[in-house]
């Protein structure tokens, strides 16, 4: 199997997000603006968690991050603590590393045993296979890139 185009686009999106936030301080990464439910670093960690949950867990595979990370940043969670510079660096590194590893795992045919799921964000939409999941993750990435941009406007 060759690399799926959606994975290339997810990687490009994540690189754009990392570049976008590069000049932010730790305080800005952690700031939750009035009227918002989360912050920039939560959104970035959430992208990792959702991609891991939807690609790996739905395929009955162990995720590339601990399951506790996935549950801490999955749908319905909020930032619970202020994170430090080390955690921010970890998230930035993992955002790109995970897409690259997912590309390799896809090429190796690891996502064969996929459990279809229904989208909470898009009622009535059922994701049937890993290729659909890549497209779902890409759509999700764009949504959260928009949230990150909005938060940046609110804090600066």
N, C-alpha and C. Protein backbone atom coordinates (compact mmCIF):
# COMPACT_ATOMS: atom_id res chain seq x y z
N UNK A 1 0.84 -1.19 0.00
CA UNK A 1 0.00 0.00 0.00
C UNK A 1 0.88 1.24 0.00
N UNK A 2 0.46 2.23 -0.74
CA UNK A 2 1.20 3.48 -0.71
C UNK A 2 0.57 4.43 0.30
N UNK A 3 1.25 5.53 0.56
CA UNK A 3 0.73 6.51 1.51
C UNK A 3 -0.58 7.10 1.01
N UNK A 4 -1.52 7.25 1.90
CA UNK A 4 -2.81 7.83 1.55
C UNK A 4 -2.66 9.35 1.50
N UNK A 5 -3.23 9.99 0.48
CA UNK A 5 -3.10 11.44 0.29
C UNK A 5 -3.57 12.23 1.52
N UNK A 6 -4.62 11.74 2.18
CA UNK A 6 -5.12 12.45 3.37
C UNK A 6 -4.05 12.55 4.44
N UNK A 7 -3.19 11.53 4.56
CA UNK A 7 -2.12 11.59 5.56
C UNK A 7 -1.10 12.67 5.22
N UNK A 8 -0.83 12.85 3.95
CA UNK A 8 0.06 13.94 3.53
C UNK A 8 -0.54 15.30 3.92
N UNK A 9 -1.85 15.42 3.72
CA UNK A 9 -2.54 16.67 4.05
C UNK A 9 -2.60 16.90 5.56
N UNK A 10 -2.80 15.84 6.33
CA UNK A 10 -2.80 15.95 7.79
C UNK A 10 -1.43 16.42 8.26
N UNK A 11 -0.38 15.84 7.72
CA UNK A 11 0.98 16.25 8.09
C UNK A 11 1.21 17.72 7.75
N UNK A 12 0.79 18.15 6.58
CA UNK A 12 0.95 19.55 6.19
C UNK A 12 0.17 20.46 7.13
N UNK A 13 -1.04 20.06 7.51
CA UNK A 13 -1.85 20.84 8.45
C UNK A 13 -1.15 20.97 9.79
N UNK A 14 -0.62 19.88 10.28
CA UNK A 14 0.04 19.90 11.59
C UNK A 14 1.31 20.75 11.56
N UNK A 15 2.05 20.68 10.48
CA UNK A 15 3.24 21.53 10.36
C UNK A 15 2.83 23.01 10.35
N UNK A 16 1.72 23.32 9.69
CA UNK A 16 1.23 24.70 9.66
C UNK A 16 0.82 25.16 11.06
N UNK A 17 0.19 24.30 11.82
CA UNK A 17 -0.20 24.65 13.19
C UNK A 17 1.04 24.91 14.05
N UNK A 18 2.02 24.04 13.94
CA UNK A 18 3.25 24.20 14.72
C UNK A 18 3.92 25.52 14.37
N UNK A 19 3.98 25.83 13.11
CA UNK A 19 4.57 27.11 12.68
C UNK A 19 3.75 28.28 13.20
N UNK A 20 2.45 28.16 13.17
CA UNK A 20 1.54 29.21 13.62
C UNK A 20 1.77 29.56 15.09
N UNK A 21 2.01 28.58 15.93
CA UNK A 21 2.12 28.82 17.37
C UNK A 21 3.56 28.99 17.84
N UNK A 22 4.50 28.93 16.95
CA UNK A 22 5.92 28.91 17.31
C UNK A 22 6.33 30.09 18.19
N UNK A 23 5.75 31.25 18.01
CA UNK A 23 6.16 32.43 18.78
C UNK A 23 5.37 32.63 20.07
N UNK A 24 4.45 31.74 20.36
CA UNK A 24 3.64 31.90 21.57
C UNK A 24 4.42 31.48 22.82
N UNK A 25 4.15 32.17 23.91
CA UNK A 25 4.75 31.81 25.20
C UNK A 25 3.97 30.65 25.80
N UNK A 26 4.54 30.05 26.84
CA UNK A 26 3.85 28.97 27.55
C UNK A 26 2.54 29.50 28.14
N UNK A 27 2.57 30.71 28.65
CA UNK A 27 1.36 31.31 29.20
C UNK A 27 0.27 31.44 28.14
N UNK A 28 0.66 31.86 26.95
CA UNK A 28 -0.31 31.99 25.85
C UNK A 28 -0.83 30.62 25.40
N UNK A 29 0.04 29.63 25.38
CA UNK A 29 -0.39 28.28 25.00
C UNK A 29 -1.43 27.73 25.98
N UNK A 30 -1.32 28.13 27.25
CA UNK A 30 -2.20 27.66 28.31
C UNK A 30 -3.44 28.52 28.54
N UNK A 31 -3.46 29.71 27.99
CA UNK A 31 -4.55 30.66 28.27
C UNK A 31 -5.87 30.20 27.65
N UNK A 32 -6.91 30.23 28.45
CA UNK A 32 -8.26 29.93 27.97
C UNK A 32 -9.01 31.26 27.92
N UNK A 33 -9.26 31.77 26.73
CA UNK A 33 -9.95 33.06 26.62
C UNK A 33 -11.39 32.98 27.13
N UNK A 34 -11.90 34.09 27.59
CA UNK A 34 -13.29 34.17 28.02
C UNK A 34 -14.20 33.69 26.90
N UNK A 35 -15.10 32.81 27.25
CA UNK A 35 -16.04 32.28 26.27
C UNK A 35 -15.58 31.02 25.55
N UNK A 36 -14.34 30.63 25.77
CA UNK A 36 -13.81 29.41 25.16
C UNK A 36 -13.68 28.33 26.23
N UNK A 37 -13.70 27.07 25.81
CA UNK A 37 -13.62 25.97 26.75
C UNK A 37 -12.27 25.32 26.85
N UNK A 38 -11.33 25.77 26.01
CA UNK A 38 -10.01 25.14 26.03
C UNK A 38 -8.96 26.12 25.53
N UNK A 39 -7.74 25.65 25.44
CA UNK A 39 -6.63 26.51 25.04
C UNK A 39 -5.90 25.91 23.83
N UNK A 40 -4.86 26.57 23.41
CA UNK A 40 -4.15 26.15 22.20
C UNK A 40 -3.48 24.80 22.39
N UNK A 41 -2.78 24.61 23.50
CA UNK A 41 -2.06 23.35 23.66
C UNK A 41 -3.04 22.19 23.82
N UNK A 42 -4.18 22.42 24.46
CA UNK A 42 -5.19 21.37 24.54
C UNK A 42 -5.65 20.98 23.14
N UNK A 43 -5.90 21.95 22.27
CA UNK A 43 -6.33 21.65 20.90
C UNK A 43 -5.29 20.82 20.16
N UNK A 44 -4.03 21.13 20.35
CA UNK A 44 -2.97 20.38 19.68
C UNK A 44 -2.89 18.95 20.21
N UNK A 45 -2.96 18.80 21.54
CA UNK A 45 -2.94 17.46 22.13
C UNK A 45 -4.19 16.68 21.74
N UNK A 46 -5.31 17.38 21.63
CA UNK A 46 -6.57 16.75 21.22
C UNK A 46 -6.45 16.16 19.81
N UNK A 47 -5.76 16.85 18.92
CA UNK A 47 -5.57 16.32 17.57
C UNK A 47 -4.83 14.98 17.61
N UNK A 48 -3.83 14.89 18.45
CA UNK A 48 -3.10 13.63 18.60
C UNK A 48 -4.04 12.56 19.15
N UNK A 49 -4.76 12.90 20.22
CA UNK A 49 -5.62 11.93 20.88
C UNK A 49 -6.69 11.37 19.94
N UNK A 50 -7.33 12.26 19.18
CA UNK A 50 -8.39 11.81 18.27
C UNK A 50 -7.82 10.94 17.16
N UNK A 51 -6.69 11.36 16.59
CA UNK A 51 -6.08 10.56 15.52
C UNK A 51 -5.68 9.19 16.05
N UNK A 52 -5.14 9.13 17.24
CA UNK A 52 -4.75 7.85 17.82
C UNK A 52 -5.97 6.98 18.12
N UNK A 53 -6.98 7.60 18.70
CA UNK A 53 -8.20 6.85 19.02
C UNK A 53 -8.87 6.32 17.76
N UNK A 54 -9.03 7.16 16.77
CA UNK A 54 -9.78 6.78 15.58
C UNK A 54 -9.00 5.86 14.65
N UNK A 55 -7.70 6.02 14.57
CA UNK A 55 -6.92 5.14 13.69
C UNK A 55 -6.50 3.85 14.40
N UNK A 56 -5.91 3.97 15.57
CA UNK A 56 -5.32 2.81 16.22
C UNK A 56 -6.32 2.04 17.09
N UNK A 57 -6.98 2.72 17.99
CA UNK A 57 -7.91 2.03 18.89
C UNK A 57 -9.06 1.41 18.09
N UNK A 58 -9.59 2.14 17.10
CA UNK A 58 -10.67 1.60 16.26
C UNK A 58 -10.20 0.42 15.42
N UNK A 59 -8.88 0.30 15.26
CA UNK A 59 -8.31 -0.83 14.52
C UNK A 59 -7.79 -1.91 15.46
N UNK A 60 -8.15 -1.80 16.72
CA UNK A 60 -7.75 -2.78 17.75
C UNK A 60 -6.23 -2.89 17.88
N UNK A 61 -5.58 -1.73 17.72
CA UNK A 61 -4.13 -1.65 17.88
C UNK A 61 -3.80 -0.77 19.07
N UNK A 62 -2.62 -0.96 19.62
CA UNK A 62 -2.16 -0.09 20.69
C UNK A 62 -1.78 1.25 20.07
N UNK A 63 -2.19 2.33 20.72
CA UNK A 63 -1.85 3.67 20.24
C UNK A 63 -0.38 3.97 20.39
N UNK A 64 0.05 5.03 19.75
CA UNK A 64 1.45 5.47 19.81
C UNK A 64 1.71 6.33 21.03
N UNK A 65 0.66 6.68 21.76
CA UNK A 65 0.76 7.37 23.05
C UNK A 65 0.02 6.51 24.07
N UNK A 66 0.32 6.69 25.35
CA UNK A 66 -0.42 5.93 26.36
C UNK A 66 -1.92 6.22 26.28
N UNK A 67 -2.71 5.23 26.62
CA UNK A 67 -4.17 5.41 26.59
C UNK A 67 -4.61 6.53 27.53
N UNK A 68 -3.85 6.76 28.61
CA UNK A 68 -4.18 7.86 29.53
C UNK A 68 -4.08 9.22 28.83
N UNK A 69 -3.17 9.35 27.87
CA UNK A 69 -3.07 10.59 27.09
C UNK A 69 -4.33 10.76 26.24
N UNK A 70 -4.74 9.68 25.60
CA UNK A 70 -5.94 9.73 24.75
C UNK A 70 -7.15 10.13 25.57
N UNK A 71 -7.33 9.53 26.73
CA UNK A 71 -8.50 9.86 27.55
C UNK A 71 -8.43 11.26 28.14
N UNK A 72 -7.22 11.77 28.37
CA UNK A 72 -7.06 13.13 28.91
C UNK A 72 -7.40 14.21 27.89
N UNK A 73 -7.27 13.88 26.60
CA UNK A 73 -7.46 14.89 25.56
C UNK A 73 -8.52 14.52 24.53
N UNK A 74 -9.34 13.53 24.84
CA UNK A 74 -10.38 13.12 23.89
C UNK A 74 -11.57 14.08 23.93
N UNK A 75 -12.53 13.79 23.08
CA UNK A 75 -13.75 14.59 22.99
C UNK A 75 -14.40 14.70 24.37
N UNK A 76 -14.82 15.91 24.73
CA UNK A 76 -15.51 16.14 25.99
C UNK A 76 -14.62 16.51 27.16
N UNK A 77 -13.29 16.52 26.96
CA UNK A 77 -12.39 16.90 28.05
C UNK A 77 -12.07 18.39 27.95
N UNK A 78 -11.49 18.90 29.01
CA UNK A 78 -11.05 20.29 29.08
C UNK A 78 -9.65 20.31 29.68
N UNK A 79 -8.92 21.40 29.48
CA UNK A 79 -7.61 21.50 30.13
C UNK A 79 -7.80 21.47 31.65
N UNK A 80 -7.09 20.57 32.31
CA UNK A 80 -7.21 20.41 33.76
C UNK A 80 -6.07 21.11 34.50
N UNK A 81 -4.92 21.22 33.85
CA UNK A 81 -3.74 21.82 34.49
C UNK A 81 -3.00 22.67 33.47
N UNK A 82 -2.19 23.59 33.97
CA UNK A 82 -1.28 24.34 33.13
C UNK A 82 -0.12 23.41 32.77
N UNK A 83 0.24 23.37 31.50
CA UNK A 83 1.34 22.51 31.09
C UNK A 83 2.62 23.32 30.96
N UNK A 84 3.76 22.64 30.96
CA UNK A 84 5.04 23.32 30.89
C UNK A 84 5.63 23.26 29.48
N UNK A 85 6.77 23.90 29.32
CA UNK A 85 7.43 23.97 28.01
C UNK A 85 7.80 22.57 27.50
N UNK A 86 8.18 21.69 28.41
CA UNK A 86 8.54 20.33 28.01
C UNK A 86 7.34 19.61 27.38
N UNK A 87 6.16 19.77 27.98
CA UNK A 87 4.97 19.14 27.42
C UNK A 87 4.63 19.75 26.05
N UNK A 88 4.75 21.06 25.92
CA UNK A 88 4.48 21.71 24.63
C UNK A 88 5.42 21.20 23.55
N UNK A 89 6.69 21.03 23.88
CA UNK A 89 7.65 20.49 22.92
C UNK A 89 7.30 19.06 22.55
N UNK A 90 6.92 18.27 23.54
CA UNK A 90 6.50 16.89 23.30
C UNK A 90 5.34 16.84 22.32
N UNK A 91 4.32 17.65 22.55
CA UNK A 91 3.14 17.66 21.68
C UNK A 91 3.52 18.06 20.25
N UNK A 92 4.33 19.09 20.11
CA UNK A 92 4.75 19.52 18.77
C UNK A 92 5.48 18.40 18.03
N UNK A 93 6.38 17.72 18.72
CA UNK A 93 7.13 16.62 18.10
C UNK A 93 6.21 15.46 17.73
N UNK A 94 5.32 15.11 18.64
CA UNK A 94 4.44 13.97 18.42
C UNK A 94 3.43 14.24 17.31
N UNK A 95 3.03 15.48 17.14
CA UNK A 95 2.06 15.79 16.09
C UNK A 95 2.54 15.33 14.72
N UNK A 96 3.80 15.55 14.42
CA UNK A 96 4.32 15.14 13.11
C UNK A 96 4.78 13.69 13.12
N UNK A 97 5.40 13.27 14.20
CA UNK A 97 5.91 11.89 14.29
C UNK A 97 4.77 10.88 14.14
N UNK A 98 3.64 11.16 14.76
CA UNK A 98 2.53 10.20 14.70
C UNK A 98 1.97 10.06 13.30
N UNK A 99 1.91 11.14 12.56
CA UNK A 99 1.40 11.03 11.20
C UNK A 99 2.37 10.22 10.35
N UNK A 100 3.66 10.45 10.53
CA UNK A 100 4.66 9.69 9.79
C UNK A 100 4.59 8.20 10.14
N UNK A 101 4.42 7.90 11.42
CA UNK A 101 4.32 6.50 11.84
C UNK A 101 3.02 5.87 11.34
N UNK A 102 1.95 6.63 11.35
CA UNK A 102 0.67 6.13 10.83
C UNK A 102 0.80 5.83 9.34
N UNK A 103 1.50 6.69 8.61
CA UNK A 103 1.73 6.45 7.18
C UNK A 103 2.46 5.12 6.97
N UNK A 104 3.48 4.88 7.79
CA UNK A 104 4.23 3.63 7.67
C UNK A 104 3.36 2.44 8.05
N UNK A 105 2.59 2.59 9.12
CA UNK A 105 1.72 1.49 9.55
C UNK A 105 0.64 1.21 8.50
N UNK A 106 0.16 2.24 7.84
CA UNK A 106 -0.81 2.05 6.77
C UNK A 106 -0.16 1.31 5.60
N UNK A 107 1.04 1.74 5.23
CA UNK A 107 1.76 1.07 4.15
C UNK A 107 2.04 -0.39 4.48
N UNK A 108 2.23 -0.67 5.77
CA UNK A 108 2.48 -2.05 6.22
C UNK A 108 1.19 -2.85 6.39
N UNK A 109 0.04 -2.25 6.14
CA UNK A 109 -1.23 -2.95 6.21
C UNK A 109 -1.72 -3.27 7.62
N UNK A 110 -1.35 -2.45 8.59
CA UNK A 110 -1.71 -2.74 9.98
C UNK A 110 -3.16 -2.42 10.35
N UNK A 111 -3.86 -1.67 9.55
CA UNK A 111 -5.21 -1.22 9.93
C UNK A 111 -6.30 -2.09 9.31
N UNK A 112 -6.11 -3.38 9.34
CA UNK A 112 -7.04 -4.31 8.68
C UNK A 112 -8.31 -4.59 9.49
N UNK A 113 -8.18 -4.61 10.81
CA UNK A 113 -9.30 -5.00 11.68
C UNK A 113 -9.98 -3.75 12.24
N UNK A 114 -10.65 -3.02 11.37
CA UNK A 114 -11.22 -1.71 11.73
C UNK A 114 -12.66 -1.85 12.20
N UNK A 115 -12.97 -1.17 13.31
CA UNK A 115 -14.34 -1.13 13.84
C UNK A 115 -15.01 0.16 13.40
N UNK A 116 -16.04 0.10 12.56
CA UNK A 116 -16.72 1.32 12.13
C UNK A 116 -17.26 2.11 13.33
N UNK A 117 -17.37 3.42 13.18
CA UNK A 117 -17.89 4.26 14.26
C UNK A 117 -18.75 5.37 13.66
N UNK A 118 -19.64 5.90 14.50
CA UNK A 118 -20.48 7.04 14.10
C UNK A 118 -19.87 8.31 14.67
N UNK A 119 -19.94 9.36 13.90
CA UNK A 119 -19.37 10.64 14.30
C UNK A 119 -20.32 11.40 15.23
N UNK A 120 -19.77 11.89 16.35
CA UNK A 120 -20.55 12.76 17.23
C UNK A 120 -20.69 14.15 16.62
N UNK A 121 -19.66 14.56 15.90
CA UNK A 121 -19.65 15.90 15.31
C UNK A 121 -20.57 16.01 14.10
N UNK A 122 -20.66 14.93 13.35
CA UNK A 122 -21.48 14.90 12.14
C UNK A 122 -22.51 13.78 12.25
N UNK A 123 -23.63 14.05 12.95
CA UNK A 123 -24.65 13.00 13.19
C UNK A 123 -25.09 12.34 11.88
N UNK A 124 -25.23 11.03 11.96
CA UNK A 124 -25.65 10.26 10.80
C UNK A 124 -24.51 9.77 9.94
N UNK A 125 -23.30 10.25 10.19
CA UNK A 125 -22.13 9.84 9.42
C UNK A 125 -21.46 8.66 10.09
N UNK A 126 -21.31 7.57 9.36
CA UNK A 126 -20.60 6.40 9.87
C UNK A 126 -19.29 6.25 9.11
N UNK A 127 -18.22 6.13 9.85
CA UNK A 127 -16.90 5.93 9.28
C UNK A 127 -16.68 4.42 9.19
N UNK A 128 -16.50 3.92 7.98
CA UNK A 128 -16.51 2.47 7.73
C UNK A 128 -15.13 1.81 7.70
N UNK A 129 -14.08 2.59 7.37
CA UNK A 129 -12.77 1.96 7.19
C UNK A 129 -11.66 2.97 7.48
N UNK A 130 -10.44 2.54 7.42
CA UNK A 130 -9.32 3.41 7.78
C UNK A 130 -9.16 4.57 6.80
N UNK A 131 -9.42 4.35 5.53
CA UNK A 131 -9.29 5.44 4.56
C UNK A 131 -10.32 6.54 4.83
N UNK A 132 -11.56 6.14 5.19
CA UNK A 132 -12.56 7.13 5.60
C UNK A 132 -12.11 7.86 6.86
N UNK A 133 -11.45 7.12 7.75
CA UNK A 133 -10.96 7.72 9.00
C UNK A 133 -9.93 8.79 8.71
N UNK A 134 -9.03 8.54 7.77
CA UNK A 134 -8.03 9.55 7.44
C UNK A 134 -8.72 10.84 6.97
N UNK A 135 -9.76 10.70 6.18
CA UNK A 135 -10.49 11.88 5.71
C UNK A 135 -11.21 12.57 6.87
N UNK A 136 -11.79 11.77 7.78
CA UNK A 136 -12.44 12.33 8.96
C UNK A 136 -11.43 13.10 9.81
N UNK A 137 -10.25 12.50 10.03
CA UNK A 137 -9.21 13.16 10.83
C UNK A 137 -8.78 14.46 10.16
N UNK A 138 -8.64 14.46 8.85
CA UNK A 138 -8.28 15.68 8.13
C UNK A 138 -9.32 16.77 8.33
N UNK A 139 -10.57 16.43 8.23
CA UNK A 139 -11.65 17.39 8.47
C UNK A 139 -11.59 17.92 9.90
N UNK A 140 -11.36 17.04 10.84
CA UNK A 140 -11.24 17.39 12.25
C UNK A 140 -10.05 18.33 12.48
N UNK A 141 -8.95 18.07 11.81
CA UNK A 141 -7.76 18.92 11.92
C UNK A 141 -8.08 20.36 11.52
N UNK A 142 -8.81 20.52 10.41
CA UNK A 142 -9.18 21.86 9.96
C UNK A 142 -10.05 22.59 10.95
N UNK A 143 -10.97 21.88 11.56
CA UNK A 143 -11.84 22.46 12.57
C UNK A 143 -11.01 23.01 13.73
N UNK A 144 -10.08 22.22 14.23
CA UNK A 144 -9.28 22.66 15.38
C UNK A 144 -8.21 23.67 15.01
N UNK A 145 -7.74 23.65 13.77
CA UNK A 145 -6.83 24.71 13.34
C UNK A 145 -7.58 26.04 13.39
N UNK A 146 -8.85 26.02 13.02
CA UNK A 146 -9.67 27.23 13.12
C UNK A 146 -9.84 27.68 14.56
N UNK A 147 -10.05 26.75 15.49
CA UNK A 147 -10.16 27.10 16.91
C UNK A 147 -8.85 27.72 17.40
N UNK A 148 -7.73 27.15 17.00
CA UNK A 148 -6.43 27.68 17.42
C UNK A 148 -6.25 29.10 16.91
N UNK A 149 -6.60 29.33 15.66
CA UNK A 149 -6.49 30.69 15.10
C UNK A 149 -7.39 31.67 15.85
N UNK A 150 -8.60 31.24 16.20
CA UNK A 150 -9.52 32.10 16.93
C UNK A 150 -8.98 32.42 18.32
N UNK A 151 -8.46 31.43 19.00
CA UNK A 151 -7.89 31.67 20.33
C UNK A 151 -6.72 32.64 20.23
N UNK A 152 -5.88 32.48 19.22
CA UNK A 152 -4.75 33.39 19.04
C UNK A 152 -5.22 34.83 18.88
N UNK A 153 -6.27 35.04 18.12
CA UNK A 153 -6.82 36.40 17.96
C UNK A 153 -7.32 36.95 19.28
N UNK A 154 -7.86 36.10 20.12
CA UNK A 154 -8.44 36.53 21.39
C UNK A 154 -7.38 36.82 22.46
N UNK A 155 -6.22 36.17 22.39
CA UNK A 155 -5.21 36.36 23.42
C UNK A 155 -4.14 37.37 23.04
N UNK A 156 -4.09 37.76 21.80
CA UNK A 156 -3.03 38.69 21.37
C UNK A 156 -3.60 40.05 21.05
